[in-house]
């Protein structure tokens, strides 16, 4: 393996452990829930989800899993709280 790529791989590993380096501003995903798949988006600080609970509460288990646990400190604070 080329020496230059070895350094890049090591740097990438270090970066991945420093979560504060990442700031998501927009994404679109399919969340595989216990009963159904759900379409979740994040755009400029606002989540959306197509589940019934989100429609009435503007938060749900799907968005909270992303915001409060998986991507904690990697996205701007939600403007829907």
N, C-alpha and C. Protein backbone atom coordinates (compact mmCIF):
# COMPACT_ATOMS: atom_id res chain seq x y z
N UNK A 1 0.85 -1.18 0.00
CA UNK A 1 0.00 0.00 0.00
C UNK A 1 0.89 1.24 0.00
N UNK A 2 0.50 2.21 -0.77
CA UNK A 2 1.25 3.46 -0.87
C UNK A 2 1.30 4.17 0.48
N UNK A 3 2.47 4.70 0.85
CA UNK A 3 2.65 5.35 2.15
C UNK A 3 1.68 6.51 2.34
N UNK A 4 1.43 7.29 1.30
CA UNK A 4 0.54 8.44 1.41
C UNK A 4 -0.86 8.06 1.83
N UNK A 5 -1.36 6.94 1.32
CA UNK A 5 -2.73 6.52 1.66
C UNK A 5 -2.80 6.02 3.09
N UNK A 6 -1.73 5.44 3.59
CA UNK A 6 -1.71 4.97 4.98
C UNK A 6 -1.92 6.15 5.92
N UNK A 7 -1.25 7.25 5.67
CA UNK A 7 -1.43 8.45 6.48
C UNK A 7 -2.85 8.97 6.40
N UNK A 8 -3.45 8.92 5.22
CA UNK A 8 -4.83 9.39 5.04
C UNK A 8 -5.81 8.49 5.80
N UNK A 9 -5.58 7.20 5.79
CA UNK A 9 -6.45 6.26 6.52
C UNK A 9 -6.37 6.53 8.01
N UNK A 10 -5.17 6.74 8.53
CA UNK A 10 -5.01 7.05 9.95
C UNK A 10 -5.70 8.36 10.31
N UNK A 11 -5.57 9.35 9.45
CA UNK A 11 -6.21 10.64 9.68
C UNK A 11 -7.74 10.49 9.66
N UNK A 12 -8.25 9.71 8.72
CA UNK A 12 -9.69 9.48 8.63
C UNK A 12 -10.22 8.81 9.90
N UNK A 13 -9.49 7.84 10.43
CA UNK A 13 -9.90 7.18 11.68
C UNK A 13 -9.95 8.18 12.82
N UNK A 14 -8.94 9.02 12.92
CA UNK A 14 -8.91 10.03 13.98
C UNK A 14 -10.07 11.00 13.82
N UNK A 15 -10.30 11.45 12.60
CA UNK A 15 -11.44 12.35 12.35
C UNK A 15 -12.76 11.71 12.78
N UNK A 16 -12.96 10.46 12.46
CA UNK A 16 -14.23 9.80 12.76
C UNK A 16 -14.49 9.71 14.26
N UNK A 17 -13.45 9.75 15.06
CA UNK A 17 -13.59 9.71 16.51
C UNK A 17 -13.82 11.10 17.11
N UNK A 18 -13.62 12.14 16.34
CA UNK A 18 -13.79 13.51 16.80
C UNK A 18 -15.10 14.07 16.23
N UNK A 19 -16.20 13.64 16.85
CA UNK A 19 -17.53 13.93 16.32
C UNK A 19 -17.81 15.42 16.14
N UNK A 20 -17.17 16.26 16.94
CA UNK A 20 -17.40 17.70 16.83
C UNK A 20 -16.94 18.27 15.50
N UNK A 21 -16.17 17.53 14.73
CA UNK A 21 -15.73 17.98 13.41
C UNK A 21 -16.86 17.97 12.38
N UNK A 22 -17.89 17.19 12.64
CA UNK A 22 -18.97 17.00 11.67
C UNK A 22 -20.18 17.84 12.03
N UNK A 23 -20.78 18.46 11.03
CA UNK A 23 -22.00 19.24 11.25
C UNK A 23 -22.92 18.99 10.05
N UNK A 24 -23.94 18.18 10.27
CA UNK A 24 -24.91 17.90 9.22
C UNK A 24 -25.86 19.08 9.08
N UNK A 25 -26.17 19.45 7.86
CA UNK A 25 -27.14 20.51 7.62
C UNK A 25 -28.38 19.99 6.90
N UNK A 26 -28.24 18.85 6.22
CA UNK A 26 -29.36 18.33 5.44
C UNK A 26 -29.14 16.85 5.16
N UNK A 27 -30.18 16.04 5.36
CA UNK A 27 -30.13 14.64 4.94
C UNK A 27 -31.54 14.09 4.81
N UNK A 28 -31.62 12.95 4.18
CA UNK A 28 -32.87 12.28 3.86
C UNK A 28 -32.60 10.78 4.04
N UNK A 29 -33.43 10.10 4.83
CA UNK A 29 -33.15 8.69 5.07
C UNK A 29 -34.40 7.88 5.27
N UNK A 30 -34.26 6.58 5.19
CA UNK A 30 -35.31 5.63 5.53
C UNK A 30 -34.95 5.03 6.87
N UNK A 31 -35.85 5.15 7.82
CA UNK A 31 -35.67 4.61 9.17
C UNK A 31 -36.48 3.32 9.26
N UNK A 32 -35.81 2.22 9.53
CA UNK A 32 -36.50 0.93 9.65
C UNK A 32 -37.03 0.79 11.08
N UNK A 33 -38.29 1.17 11.29
CA UNK A 33 -38.92 1.08 12.60
C UNK A 33 -39.34 -0.34 12.92
N UNK A 34 -39.88 -0.54 14.11
CA UNK A 34 -40.32 -1.87 14.52
C UNK A 34 -41.45 -2.39 13.65
N UNK A 35 -42.34 -1.49 13.21
CA UNK A 35 -43.51 -1.92 12.44
C UNK A 35 -43.45 -1.55 10.96
N UNK A 36 -42.86 -0.40 10.66
CA UNK A 36 -42.82 0.09 9.29
C UNK A 36 -41.53 0.86 9.04
N UNK A 37 -41.27 1.11 7.78
CA UNK A 37 -40.21 2.03 7.41
C UNK A 37 -40.79 3.44 7.44
N UNK A 38 -39.95 4.40 7.81
CA UNK A 38 -40.39 5.79 7.86
C UNK A 38 -39.41 6.67 7.11
N UNK A 39 -39.94 7.68 6.45
CA UNK A 39 -39.13 8.64 5.71
C UNK A 39 -38.84 9.80 6.65
N UNK A 40 -37.54 10.02 6.96
CA UNK A 40 -37.12 11.09 7.86
C UNK A 40 -36.20 12.03 7.09
N UNK A 41 -36.42 13.33 7.27
CA UNK A 41 -35.53 14.32 6.66
C UNK A 41 -35.05 15.29 7.73
N UNK A 42 -33.95 15.92 7.44
CA UNK A 42 -33.42 16.99 8.28
C UNK A 42 -32.94 18.07 7.33
N UNK A 43 -33.42 19.29 7.55
CA UNK A 43 -33.05 20.40 6.66
C UNK A 43 -33.00 21.69 7.48
N UNK A 44 -31.82 22.26 7.57
CA UNK A 44 -31.62 23.54 8.26
C UNK A 44 -32.21 23.56 9.67
N UNK A 45 -31.93 22.53 10.45
CA UNK A 45 -32.35 22.50 11.85
C UNK A 45 -33.72 21.93 12.10
N UNK A 46 -34.42 21.49 11.08
CA UNK A 46 -35.79 20.98 11.26
C UNK A 46 -35.91 19.55 10.75
N UNK A 47 -36.43 18.68 11.63
CA UNK A 47 -36.73 17.30 11.26
C UNK A 47 -38.15 17.19 10.73
N UNK A 48 -38.37 16.21 9.87
CA UNK A 48 -39.71 15.76 9.50
C UNK A 48 -39.69 14.24 9.48
N UNK A 49 -40.83 13.64 9.79
CA UNK A 49 -40.99 12.19 9.72
C UNK A 49 -42.41 11.92 9.27
N UNK A 50 -42.59 10.85 8.53
CA UNK A 50 -43.94 10.57 8.03
C UNK A 50 -44.78 9.71 8.97
N UNK A 51 -44.30 9.47 10.20
CA UNK A 51 -45.11 8.68 11.13
C UNK A 51 -46.22 9.53 11.74
N UNK A 52 -47.27 8.87 12.20
CA UNK A 52 -48.43 9.58 12.75
C UNK A 52 -48.09 10.40 14.00
N UNK A 53 -47.23 9.88 14.86
CA UNK A 53 -46.89 10.59 16.10
C UNK A 53 -46.21 11.92 15.79
N UNK A 54 -45.30 11.92 14.80
CA UNK A 54 -44.60 13.15 14.44
C UNK A 54 -45.57 14.22 13.95
N UNK A 55 -46.57 13.81 13.20
CA UNK A 55 -47.52 14.76 12.62
C UNK A 55 -48.21 15.60 13.71
N UNK A 56 -48.49 15.00 14.86
CA UNK A 56 -49.18 15.73 15.92
C UNK A 56 -48.25 16.30 16.99
N UNK A 57 -47.02 15.76 17.11
CA UNK A 57 -46.13 16.19 18.19
C UNK A 57 -44.83 16.87 17.72
N UNK A 58 -44.57 16.82 16.43
CA UNK A 58 -43.36 17.40 15.83
C UNK A 58 -42.06 16.78 16.35
N UNK A 59 -42.16 15.67 17.04
CA UNK A 59 -41.02 14.84 17.45
C UNK A 59 -41.54 13.42 17.52
N UNK A 60 -40.67 12.46 17.36
CA UNK A 60 -41.06 11.06 17.46
C UNK A 60 -39.83 10.24 17.82
N UNK A 61 -40.02 8.96 18.06
CA UNK A 61 -38.90 8.09 18.42
C UNK A 61 -37.84 8.08 17.32
N UNK A 62 -38.25 8.22 16.07
CA UNK A 62 -37.32 8.17 14.95
C UNK A 62 -36.43 9.40 14.92
N UNK A 63 -37.04 10.58 15.07
CA UNK A 63 -36.24 11.81 15.05
C UNK A 63 -35.42 11.96 16.33
N UNK A 64 -35.98 11.52 17.47
CA UNK A 64 -35.23 11.61 18.72
C UNK A 64 -34.02 10.68 18.72
N UNK A 65 -34.16 9.49 18.13
CA UNK A 65 -33.02 8.57 18.04
C UNK A 65 -31.86 9.22 17.29
N UNK A 66 -32.21 9.93 16.22
CA UNK A 66 -31.17 10.62 15.44
C UNK A 66 -30.62 11.83 16.16
N UNK A 67 -31.52 12.70 16.61
CA UNK A 67 -31.12 13.98 17.20
C UNK A 67 -30.43 13.82 18.56
N UNK A 68 -31.01 13.01 19.44
CA UNK A 68 -30.54 12.94 20.81
C UNK A 68 -29.46 11.89 21.05
N UNK A 69 -29.31 10.94 20.15
CA UNK A 69 -28.37 9.85 20.40
C UNK A 69 -27.36 9.65 19.27
N UNK A 70 -27.83 9.30 18.10
CA UNK A 70 -26.91 8.97 17.02
C UNK A 70 -26.09 10.17 16.55
N UNK A 71 -26.73 11.31 16.36
CA UNK A 71 -26.05 12.49 15.80
C UNK A 71 -25.86 13.61 16.82
N UNK A 72 -25.91 13.29 18.10
CA UNK A 72 -25.77 14.30 19.16
C UNK A 72 -24.51 15.14 18.92
N UNK A 73 -24.69 16.44 18.94
CA UNK A 73 -23.62 17.42 18.73
C UNK A 73 -23.09 17.44 17.29
N UNK A 74 -23.79 16.78 16.38
CA UNK A 74 -23.35 16.78 14.99
C UNK A 74 -24.35 17.50 14.09
N UNK A 75 -25.45 17.98 14.68
CA UNK A 75 -26.45 18.75 13.95
C UNK A 75 -26.80 19.97 14.78
N UNK A 76 -27.22 21.05 14.14
CA UNK A 76 -27.67 22.22 14.91
C UNK A 76 -28.88 21.85 15.76
N UNK A 77 -29.09 22.52 16.84
CA UNK A 77 -30.24 22.25 17.71
C UNK A 77 -31.53 22.37 16.91
N UNK A 78 -32.45 21.47 17.16
CA UNK A 78 -33.73 21.48 16.46
C UNK A 78 -34.49 22.76 16.75
N UNK A 79 -35.12 23.30 15.73
CA UNK A 79 -35.93 24.50 15.88
C UNK A 79 -37.38 24.16 16.16
N UNK A 80 -37.67 22.86 16.31
CA UNK A 80 -39.04 22.43 16.54
C UNK A 80 -39.30 22.10 18.00
N UNK A 81 -38.32 22.18 18.85
CA UNK A 81 -38.48 21.78 20.25
C UNK A 81 -39.42 22.69 21.00
